[in-house]
Amino acid sequence: MIRYSTENRVGRIVIDRPEKRNALDQQMVSELTQAFQRAADDHEAKVIVLRANGEAFCAGADLAYLQKLQDFSFEENLADSRNLMKLYHLIYTMPKVVIAQVEGHALAGGSGLVTVCDLAYAVPSAKFGYTEVKIGFIPALVSVFLVRKIGEGKARELLLTGRVIQADEAARLGMITQVVEKERVKAEVDTLVQQLVTTASGASLAATKKLIDQVQGRSLSEALEYAARENAAARATDDCKKGIAAFLQKEDLTW
């Protein structure tokens, strides 16, 4: 269901279950987790791109999977929920920038996948929605990340209504980064990827991603102290010394 490849320092993860609209089930979650762990450990990959084959990016949970869950015990459901939790947490915290290239609808768990990516570029026709409440379920795991990403007020409206929105509204709310015409979205993502690969330090990208995660939830004084310590530590890294030397000598630097 999942394909992984690395080329030109870019790791590419492709969801390839178009006959089921790339819907999530236990196997899909397991394979995605393995792919992202492989990407995190892949020394040849500096930036990761997630996309899907077919008309949908990810239509949420597979219907047969939902039916199967009805017979699970609480312990079985908890273990299954923790598997999805591990996937979301892995994507959100992995030390590499993850970019979602969304060329179809991303609903429920599919919207969750997009939410935990660092950046997301979507075609105008793509739709997004946290629709769990409409089937008597709750958007439990994704709520943790969505509140962080767009704020409580906007998240409340989307999570409580289950409203499906167009890509342009998702961009205005901050759910995704940008809306790009279908014929240009791959080129736009590839351009961004090459900029990150060649003009940004991998160590700095990883440290900045960690910084964004860690300052949230701390008091102002605690967050500033943490940031000051990270600032001081960054100055001693080889990448920082190399970058500052090139800047002072007015030399072009390719990372």
C-alpha atoms as a PDB file:
ATOM      1  CA  MET A   1       0.000   0.000   0.000  1.00  0.00           C
ATOM      2  CA  ILE A   2       2.947   2.333   0.556  1.00  0.00           C
ATOM      3  CA  ARG A   3       5.930   2.999  -1.703  1.00  0.00           C
ATOM      4  CA  TYR A   4       9.152   4.650  -0.554  1.00  0.00           C
ATOM      5  CA  SER A   5      12.035   5.992  -2.613  1.00  0.00           C
ATOM      6  CA  THR A   6      14.919   8.427  -2.240  1.00  0.00           C
ATOM      7  CA  GLU A   7      16.313  10.628  -4.994  1.00  0.00           C
ATOM      8  CA  ASN A   8      18.423  13.784  -4.871  1.00  0.00           C
ATOM      9  CA  ARG A   9      18.239  13.839  -1.048  1.00  0.00           C
ATOM     10  CA  VAL A  10      14.425  13.752  -1.094  1.00  0.00           C
ATOM     11  CA  GLY A  11      12.487  10.890   0.459  1.00  0.00           C
ATOM     12  CA  ARG A  12       9.154  10.257  -1.257  1.00  0.00           C
ATOM     13  CA  ILE A  13       6.328   8.339   0.394  1.00  0.00           C
ATOM     14  CA  VAL A  14       3.406   7.422  -1.859  1.00  0.00           C
ATOM     15  CA  ILE A  15       0.092   6.073  -0.586  1.00  0.00           C
ATOM     16  CA  ASP A  16      -0.924   3.586  -3.259  1.00  0.00           C
ATOM     17  CA  ARG A  17      -4.353   2.172  -2.554  1.00  0.00           C
ATOM     18  CA  PRO A  18      -6.448   4.096  -5.097  1.00  0.00           C
ATOM     19  CA  GLU A  19      -9.123   1.389  -5.424  1.00  0.00           C
ATOM     20  CA  LYS A  20     -10.059   2.112  -1.776  1.00  0.00           C
ATOM     21  CA  ARG A  21      -9.553   5.876  -2.070  1.00  0.00           C
ATOM     22  CA  ASN A  22      -6.370   5.397  -0.019  1.00  0.00           C
ATOM     23  CA  ALA A  23      -8.457   4.734   3.077  1.00  0.00           C
ATOM     24  CA  LEU A  24      -6.762   3.843   6.353  1.00  0.00           C
ATOM     25  CA  ASP A  25      -6.807   0.450   8.007  1.00  0.00           C
ATOM     26  CA  GLN A  26      -4.448  -1.409  10.325  1.00  0.00           C
ATOM     27  CA  GLN A  27      -2.125  -2.481   7.524  1.00  0.00           C
ATOM     28  CA  MET A  28      -2.044   1.011   5.980  1.00  0.00           C
ATOM     29  CA  VAL A  29      -1.180   2.621   9.319  1.00  0.00           C
ATOM     30  CA  SER A  30       1.515   0.018   9.933  1.00  0.00           C
ATOM     31  CA  GLU A  31       3.060   0.489   6.479  1.00  0.00           C
ATOM     32  CA  LEU A  32       2.960   4.272   6.760  1.00  0.00           C
ATOM     33  CA  THR A  33       4.669   4.102  10.139  1.00  0.00           C
ATOM     34  CA  GLN A  34       7.383   1.850   8.713  1.00  0.00           C
ATOM     35  CA  ALA A  35       7.863   4.197   5.746  1.00  0.00           C
ATOM     36  CA  PHE A  36       8.189   7.307   7.907  1.00  0.00           C
ATOM     37  CA  GLN A  37      10.560   5.524  10.288  1.00  0.00           C
ATOM     38  CA  ARG A  38      12.634   4.504   7.283  1.00  0.00           C
ATOM     39  CA  ALA A  39      12.595   8.115   6.103  1.00  0.00           C
ATOM     40  CA  ALA A  40      13.657   9.374   9.522  1.00  0.00           C
ATOM     41  CA  ASP A  41      16.610   6.959   9.512  1.00  0.00           C
ATOM     42  CA  ASP A  42      17.525   7.494   5.845  1.00  0.00           C
ATOM     43  CA  HIS A  43      20.782   9.476   5.763  1.00  0.00           C
ATOM     44  CA  GLU A  44      20.269  10.160   2.049  1.00  0.00           C
ATOM     45  CA  ALA A  45      16.910  11.887   2.615  1.00  0.00           C
ATOM     46  CA  LYS A  46      16.888  15.467   3.907  1.00  0.00           C
ATOM     47  CA  VAL A  47      13.248  16.389   3.151  1.00  0.00           C
ATOM     48  CA  ILE A  48      10.215  14.094   2.912  1.00  0.00           C
ATOM     49  CA  VAL A  49       7.275  14.428   0.499  1.00  0.00           C
ATOM     50  CA  LEU A  50       3.995  12.584   1.129  1.00  0.00           C
ATOM     51  CA  ARG A  51       1.521  12.157  -1.722  1.00  0.00           C
ATOM     52  CA  ALA A  52      -1.065   9.658  -2.916  1.00  0.00           C
ATOM     53  CA  ASN A  53      -2.034   7.951  -6.150  1.00  0.00           C
ATOM     54  CA  GLY A  54      -5.628   8.128  -7.382  1.00  0.00           C
ATOM     55  CA  GLU A  55      -8.444  10.638  -7.046  1.00  0.00           C
ATOM     56  CA  ALA A  56      -8.341  10.888  -3.242  1.00  0.00           C
ATOM     57  CA  PHE A  57      -5.424  11.744  -0.981  1.00  0.00           C
ATOM     58  CA  CYS A  58      -6.996   9.720   1.851  1.00  0.00           C
ATOM     59  CA  ALA A  59     -10.696   9.187   2.494  1.00  0.00           C
ATOM     60  CA  GLY A  60     -10.302   8.413   6.190  1.00  0.00           C
ATOM     61  CA  ALA A  61     -10.934   5.000   7.717  1.00  0.00           C
ATOM     62  CA  ASP A  62     -11.713   2.040   5.479  1.00  0.00           C
ATOM     63  CA  LEU A  63     -15.354   0.904   5.793  1.00  0.00           C
ATOM     64  CA  ALA A  64     -14.441  -2.734   6.399  1.00  0.00           C
ATOM     65  CA  TYR A  65     -11.979  -1.583   9.042  1.00  0.00           C
ATOM     66  CA  LEU A  66     -14.680   0.477  10.778  1.00  0.00           C
ATOM     67  CA  GLN A  67     -16.952  -2.555  10.811  1.00  0.00           C
ATOM     68  CA  LYS A  68     -14.203  -4.706  12.304  1.00  0.00           C
ATOM     69  CA  LEU A  69     -13.644  -2.205  15.119  1.00  0.00           C
ATOM     70  CA  GLN A  70     -17.188  -2.760  16.373  1.00  0.00           C
ATOM     71  CA  ASP A  71     -16.149  -6.136  17.723  1.00  0.00           C
ATOM     72  CA  PHE A  72     -12.958  -4.948  19.434  1.00  0.00           C
ATOM     73  CA  SER A  73     -12.629  -4.840  23.207  1.00  0.00           C
ATOM     74  CA  PHE A  74     -11.584  -1.582  24.869  1.00  0.00           C
ATOM     75  CA  GLU A  75      -8.020  -2.881  25.175  1.00  0.00           C
ATOM     76  CA  GLU A  76      -7.929  -3.813  21.480  1.00  0.00           C
ATOM     77  CA  ASN A  77      -9.315  -0.432  20.465  1.00  0.00           C
ATOM     78  CA  LEU A  78      -6.807   1.334  22.699  1.00  0.00           C
ATOM     79  CA  ALA A  79      -3.909  -0.575  21.131  1.00  0.00           C
ATOM     80  CA  ASP A  80      -5.234   0.209  17.665  1.00  0.00           C
ATOM     81  CA  SER A  81      -5.665   3.901  18.525  1.00  0.00           C
ATOM     82  CA  ARG A  82      -2.123   4.028  19.862  1.00  0.00           C
ATOM     83  CA  ASN A  83      -0.829   2.725  16.526  1.00  0.00           C
ATOM     84  CA  LEU A  84      -2.322   5.762  14.758  1.00  0.00           C
ATOM     85  CA  MET A  85      -1.041   7.953  17.596  1.00  0.00           C
ATOM     86  CA  LYS A  86       2.494   6.664  16.965  1.00  0.00           C
ATOM     87  CA  LEU A  87       2.214   7.472  13.263  1.00  0.00           C
ATOM     88  CA  TYR A  88       0.992  11.037  13.851  1.00  0.00           C
ATOM     89  CA  HIS A  89       3.618  11.631  16.539  1.00  0.00           C
ATOM     90  CA  LEU A  90       6.383  10.246  14.322  1.00  0.00           C
ATOM     91  CA  ILE A  91       5.500  12.564  11.435  1.00  0.00           C
ATOM     92  CA  TYR A  92       5.084  15.593  13.697  1.00  0.00           C
ATOM     93  CA  THR A  93       8.347  15.128  15.582  1.00  0.00           C
ATOM     94  CA  MET A  94      10.689  13.480  13.052  1.00  0.00           C
ATOM     95  CA  PRO A  95      13.843  15.576  12.479  1.00  0.00           C
ATOM     96  CA  LYS A  96      13.076  16.229   8.816  1.00  0.00           C
ATOM     97  CA  VAL A  97      10.630  18.550   7.095  1.00  0.00           C
ATOM     98  CA  VAL A  98       7.555  16.659   5.859  1.00  0.00           C
ATOM     99  CA  ILE A  99       5.564  18.171   2.991  1.00  0.00           C
ATOM    100  CA  ALA A 100       2.126  16.896   1.971  1.00  0.00           C
ATOM    101  CA  GLN A 101       1.322  17.132  -1.746  1.00  0.00           C
ATOM    102  CA  VAL A 102      -2.473  16.881  -1.694  1.00  0.00           C
ATOM    103  CA  GLU A 103      -4.114  16.254  -5.062  1.00  0.00           C
ATOM    104  CA  GLY A 104      -7.444  14.881  -3.841  1.00  0.00           C
ATOM    105  CA  HIS A 105      -9.839  14.902  -0.898  1.00  0.00           C
ATOM    106  CA  ALA A 106      -8.357  14.408   2.590  1.00  0.00           C
ATOM    107  CA  LEU A 107     -11.122  13.581   5.069  1.00  0.00           C
ATOM    108  CA  ALA A 108     -11.184  12.461   8.705  1.00  0.00           C
ATOM    109  CA  GLY A 109      -7.965  10.468   9.171  1.00  0.00           C
ATOM    110  CA  GLY A 110      -6.788  11.834   5.833  1.00  0.00           C
ATOM    111  CA  SER A 111      -7.096  15.385   7.164  1.00  0.00           C
ATOM    112  CA  GLY A 112      -5.219  14.149  10.206  1.00  0.00           C
ATOM    113  CA  LEU A 113      -2.293  13.083   8.038  1.00  0.00           C
ATOM    114  CA  VAL A 114      -2.171  16.505   6.391  1.00  0.00           C
ATOM    115  CA  THR A 115      -2.448  18.266   9.767  1.00  0.00           C
ATOM    116  CA  VAL A 116       0.654  16.617  11.222  1.00  0.00           C
ATOM    117  CA  CYS A 117       2.804  17.425   8.184  1.00  0.00           C
ATOM    118  CA  ASP A 118       4.964  20.540   8.464  1.00  0.00           C
ATOM    119  CA  LEU A 119       3.764  22.031   5.174  1.00  0.00           C
ATOM    120  CA  ALA A 120       0.952  21.129   2.792  1.00  0.00           C
ATOM    121  CA  TYR A 121       0.262  22.160  -0.799  1.00  0.00           C
ATOM    122  CA  ALA A 122      -3.149  21.276  -2.204  1.00  0.00           C
ATOM    123  CA  VAL A 123      -4.991  21.535  -5.504  1.00  0.00           C
ATOM    124  CA  PRO A 124      -8.106  23.784  -5.578  1.00  0.00           C
ATOM    125  CA  SER A 125     -10.502  20.843  -5.856  1.00  0.00           C
ATOM    126  CA  ALA A 126      -9.230  19.134  -2.699  1.00  0.00           C
ATOM    127  CA  LYS A 127     -11.601  19.049   0.260  1.00  0.00           C
ATOM    128  CA  PHE A 128     -10.787  18.704   3.939  1.00  0.00           C
ATOM    129  CA  GLY A 129     -12.850  17.849   6.995  1.00  0.00           C
ATOM    130  CA  TYR A 130     -12.754  16.277  10.429  1.00  0.00           C
ATOM    131  CA  THR A 131     -16.051  14.459   9.967  1.00  0.00           C
ATOM    132  CA  GLU A 132     -15.900  12.006  12.868  1.00  0.00           C
ATOM    133  CA  VAL A 133     -18.808  13.491  14.853  1.00  0.00           C
ATOM    134  CA  LYS A 134     -21.138  12.769  11.943  1.00  0.00           C
ATOM    135  CA  ILE A 135     -20.780   9.011  12.521  1.00  0.00           C
ATOM    136  CA  GLY A 136     -20.853   9.133  16.313  1.00  0.00           C
ATOM    137  CA  PHE A 137     -17.079   9.079  16.636  1.00  0.00           C
ATOM    138  CA  ILE A 138     -14.640  11.744  17.890  1.00  0.00           C
ATOM    139  CA  PRO A 139     -11.620  13.412  16.222  1.00  0.00           C
ATOM    140  CA  ALA A 140      -9.523  12.518  19.244  1.00  0.00           C
ATOM    141  CA  LEU A 141      -5.902  12.279  18.128  1.00  0.00           C
ATOM    142  CA  VAL A 142      -5.983  14.956  15.465  1.00  0.00           C
ATOM    143  CA  SER A 143      -7.528  17.464  17.869  1.00  0.00           C
ATOM    144  CA  VAL A 144      -4.221  17.636  19.771  1.00  0.00           C
ATOM    145  CA  PHE A 145      -2.376  18.737  16.638  1.00  0.00           C
ATOM    146  CA  LEU A 146      -5.095  20.880  15.057  1.00  0.00           C
ATOM    147  CA  VAL A 147      -5.503  23.078  18.154  1.00  0.00           C
ATOM    148  CA  ARG A 148      -1.744  23.653  18.086  1.00  0.00           C
ATOM    149  CA  LYS A 149      -1.799  24.429  14.384  1.00  0.00           C
ATOM    150  CA  ILE A 150      -4.748  26.798  13.962  1.00  0.00           C
ATOM    151  CA  GLY A 151      -5.820  27.716  17.490  1.00  0.00           C
ATOM    152  CA  GLU A 152      -8.667  26.568  19.696  1.00  0.00           C
ATOM    153  CA  GLY A 153     -11.412  28.773  18.256  1.00  0.00           C
ATOM    154  CA  LYS A 154     -11.024  27.687  14.641  1.00  0.00           C
ATOM    155  CA  ALA A 155     -10.386  24.090  15.660  1.00  0.00           C
ATOM    156  CA  ARG A 156     -13.572  23.987  17.756  1.00  0.00           C
ATOM    157  CA  GLU A 157     -15.700  25.034  14.795  1.00  0.00           C
ATOM    158  CA  LEU A 158     -14.228  22.430  12.458  1.00  0.00           C
ATOM    159  CA  LEU A 159     -14.137  19.561  14.954  1.00  0.00           C
ATOM    160  CA  LEU A 160     -17.599  20.131  16.427  1.00  0.00           C
ATOM    161  CA  THR A 161     -19.440  20.649  13.138  1.00  0.00           C
ATOM    162  CA  GLY A 162     -17.544  18.131  11.027  1.00  0.00           C
ATOM    163  CA  ARG A 163     -17.873  20.639   8.205  1.00  0.00           C
ATOM    164  CA  VAL A 164     -16.107  19.790   4.946  1.00  0.00           C
ATOM    165  CA  ILE A 165     -14.233  22.755   3.519  1.00  0.00           C
ATOM    166  CA  GLN A 166     -12.535  23.656   0.257  1.00  0.00           C
ATOM    167  CA  ALA A 167      -8.779  24.004  -0.099  1.00  0.00           C
ATOM    168  CA  ASP A 168      -8.877  27.810  -0.218  1.00  0.00           C
ATOM    169  CA  GLU A 169     -10.615  27.980   3.170  1.00  0.00           C
ATOM    170  CA  ALA A 170      -8.191  25.421   4.590  1.00  0.00           C
ATOM    171  CA  ALA A 171      -5.355  27.719   3.519  1.00  0.00           C
ATOM    172  CA  ARG A 172      -6.994  30.782   5.094  1.00  0.00           C
ATOM    173  CA  LEU A 173      -7.423  28.900   8.373  1.00  0.00           C
ATOM    174  CA  GLY A 174      -3.798  27.780   8.347  1.00  0.00           C
ATOM    175  CA  MET A 175      -4.554  24.076   7.952  1.00  0.00           C
ATOM    176  CA  ILE A 176      -2.517  23.954   4.750  1.00  0.00           C
ATOM    177  CA  THR A 177       0.240  26.145   3.402  1.00  0.00           C
ATOM    178  CA  GLN A 178      -0.915  27.031  -0.093  1.00  0.00           C
ATOM    179  CA  VAL A 179      -3.369  26.175  -2.871  1.00  0.00           C
ATOM    180  CA  VAL A 180      -1.736  25.482  -6.232  1.00  0.00           C
ATOM    181  CA  GLU A 181      -3.313  24.607  -9.576  1.00  0.00           C
ATOM    182  CA  LYS A 182      -3.178  20.879 -10.297  1.00  0.00           C
ATOM    183  CA  GLU A 183      -0.872  21.227 -13.286  1.00  0.00           C
ATOM    184  CA  ARG A 184       1.637  23.185 -11.167  1.00  0.00           C
ATOM    185  CA  VAL A 185       1.464  21.539  -7.739  1.00  0.00           C
ATOM    186  CA  LYS A 186       4.216  18.966  -8.326  1.00  0.00           C
ATOM    187  CA  ALA A 187       6.564  21.616  -9.726  1.00  0.00           C
ATOM    188  CA  GLU A 188       5.760  23.953  -6.809  1.00  0.00           C
ATOM    189  CA  VAL A 189       6.512  21.259  -4.240  1.00  0.00           C
ATOM    190  CA  ASP A 190       9.674  20.179  -6.070  1.00  0.00           C
ATOM    191  CA  THR A 191      10.908  23.793  -6.171  1.00  0.00           C
ATOM    192  CA  LEU A 192      10.349  24.196  -2.438  1.00  0.00           C
ATOM    193  CA  VAL A 193      12.019  20.876  -1.726  1.00  0.00           C
ATOM    194  CA  GLN A 194      15.133  21.813  -3.683  1.00  0.00           C
ATOM    195  CA  GLN A 195      15.297  25.150  -1.883  1.00  0.00           C
ATOM    196  CA  LEU A 196      15.216  23.391   1.474  1.00  0.00           C
ATOM    197  CA  VAL A 197      17.712  20.760   0.376  1.00  0.00           C
ATOM    198  CA  THR A 198      20.276  23.210  -0.996  1.00  0.00           C
ATOM    199  CA  THR A 199      19.816  26.428   1.003  1.00  0.00           C
ATOM    200  CA  ALA A 200      19.043  25.221   4.546  1.00  0.00           C
ATOM    201  CA  SER A 201      21.101  23.236   7.037  1.00  0.00           C
ATOM    202  CA  GLY A 202      19.559  19.873   7.824  1.00  0.00           C
ATOM    203  CA  ALA A 203      20.641  20.204  11.439  1.00  0.00           C
ATOM    204  CA  SER A 204      19.034  23.641  11.635  1.00  0.00           C
ATOM    205  CA  LEU A 205      15.793  22.387  10.128  1.00  0.00           C
ATOM    206  CA  ALA A 206      15.656  19.561  12.676  1.00  0.00           C
ATOM    207  CA  ALA A 207      16.447  21.883  15.579  1.00  0.00           C
ATOM    208  CA  THR A 208      13.882  24.459  14.455  1.00  0.00           C
ATOM    209  CA  LYS A 209      11.181  21.815  14.104  1.00  0.00           C
ATOM    210  CA  LYS A 210      11.973  20.588  17.624  1.00  0.00           C
ATOM    211  CA  LEU A 211      11.957  24.183  18.914  1.00  0.00           C
ATOM    212  CA  ILE A 212       8.456  24.822  17.525  1.00  0.00           C
ATOM    213  CA  ASP A 213       7.220  21.686  19.265  1.00  0.00           C
ATOM    214  CA  GLN A 214       8.908  22.290  22.603  1.00  0.00           C
ATOM    215  CA  VAL A 215       8.053  25.963  23.230  1.00  0.00           C
ATOM    216  CA  GLN A 216       4.324  25.266  23.099  1.00  0.00           C
ATOM    217  CA  GLY A 217       2.664  24.585  26.415  1.00  0.00           C
ATOM    218  CA  ARG A 218       5.415  26.272  28.427  1.00  0.00           C
ATOM    219  CA  SER A 219       5.011  29.524  30.276  1.00  0.00           C
ATOM    220  CA  LEU A 220       6.467  32.578  28.540  1.00  0.00           C
ATOM    221  CA  SER A 221       9.514  32.654  30.792  1.00  0.00           C
ATOM    222  CA  GLU A 222      10.095  28.904  30.455  1.00  0.00           C
ATOM    223  CA  ALA A 223       9.736  29.053  26.669  1.00  0.00           C
ATOM    224  CA  LEU A 224      12.182  31.941  26.405  1.00  0.00           C
ATOM    225  CA  GLU A 225      14.723  30.204  28.644  1.00  0.00           C
ATOM    226  CA  TYR A 226      14.435  27.043  26.559  1.00  0.00           C
ATOM    227  CA  ALA A 227      14.846  29.085  23.363  1.00  0.00           C
ATOM    228  CA  ALA A 228      17.884  30.905  24.769  1.00  0.00           C
ATOM    229  CA  ARG A 229      19.561  27.610  25.613  1.00  0.00           C
ATOM    230  CA  GLU A 230      18.824  26.204  22.169  1.00  0.00           C
ATOM    231  CA  ASN A 231      20.181  29.416  20.642  1.00  0.00           C
ATOM    232  CA  ALA A 232      23.419  29.058  22.599  1.00  0.00           C
ATOM    233  CA  ALA A 233      23.764  25.374  21.693  1.00  0.00           C
ATOM    234  CA  ALA A 234      23.179  26.088  18.000  1.00  0.00           C
ATOM    235  CA  ARG A 235      26.056  28.553  17.893  1.00  0.00           C
ATOM    236  CA  ALA A 236      28.508  25.793  18.754  1.00  0.00           C
ATOM    237  CA  THR A 237      27.431  23.455  15.940  1.00  0.00           C
ATOM    238  CA  ASP A 238      29.583  22.813  12.886  1.00  0.00           C
ATOM    239  CA  ASP A 239      26.755  23.901  10.595  1.00  0.00           C
ATOM    240  CA  CYS A 240      26.433  27.265  12.320  1.00  0.00           C
ATOM    241  CA  LYS A 241      30.171  27.895  12.196  1.00  0.00           C
ATOM    242  CA  LYS A 242      30.252  26.892   8.537  1.00  0.00           C
ATOM    243  CA  GLY A 243      27.251  29.067   7.666  1.00  0.00           C
ATOM    244  CA  ILE A 244      28.495  32.167   9.492  1.00  0.00           C
ATOM    245  CA  ALA A 245      31.953  31.827   7.938  1.00  0.00           C
ATOM    246  CA  ALA A 246      30.461  31.664   4.454  1.00  0.00           C
ATOM    247  CA  PHE A 247      28.199  34.637   5.196  1.00  0.00           C
ATOM    248  CA  LEU A 248      31.059  36.785   6.498  1.00  0.00           C
ATOM    249  CA  GLN A 249      33.250  35.872   3.533  1.00  0.00           C
ATOM    250  CA  LYS A 250      30.341  36.475   1.129  1.00  0.00           C
ATOM    251  CA  GLU A 251      30.609  32.978  -0.245  1.00  0.00           C
ATOM    252  CA  ASP A 252      27.715  31.034  -1.704  1.00  0.00           C
ATOM    253  CA  LEU A 253      26.924  28.008   0.443  1.00  0.00           C
ATOM    254  CA  THR A 254      25.207  24.860  -0.750  1.00  0.00           C
ATOM    255  CA  TRP A 255      24.177  22.487   2.028  1.00  0.00           C
END
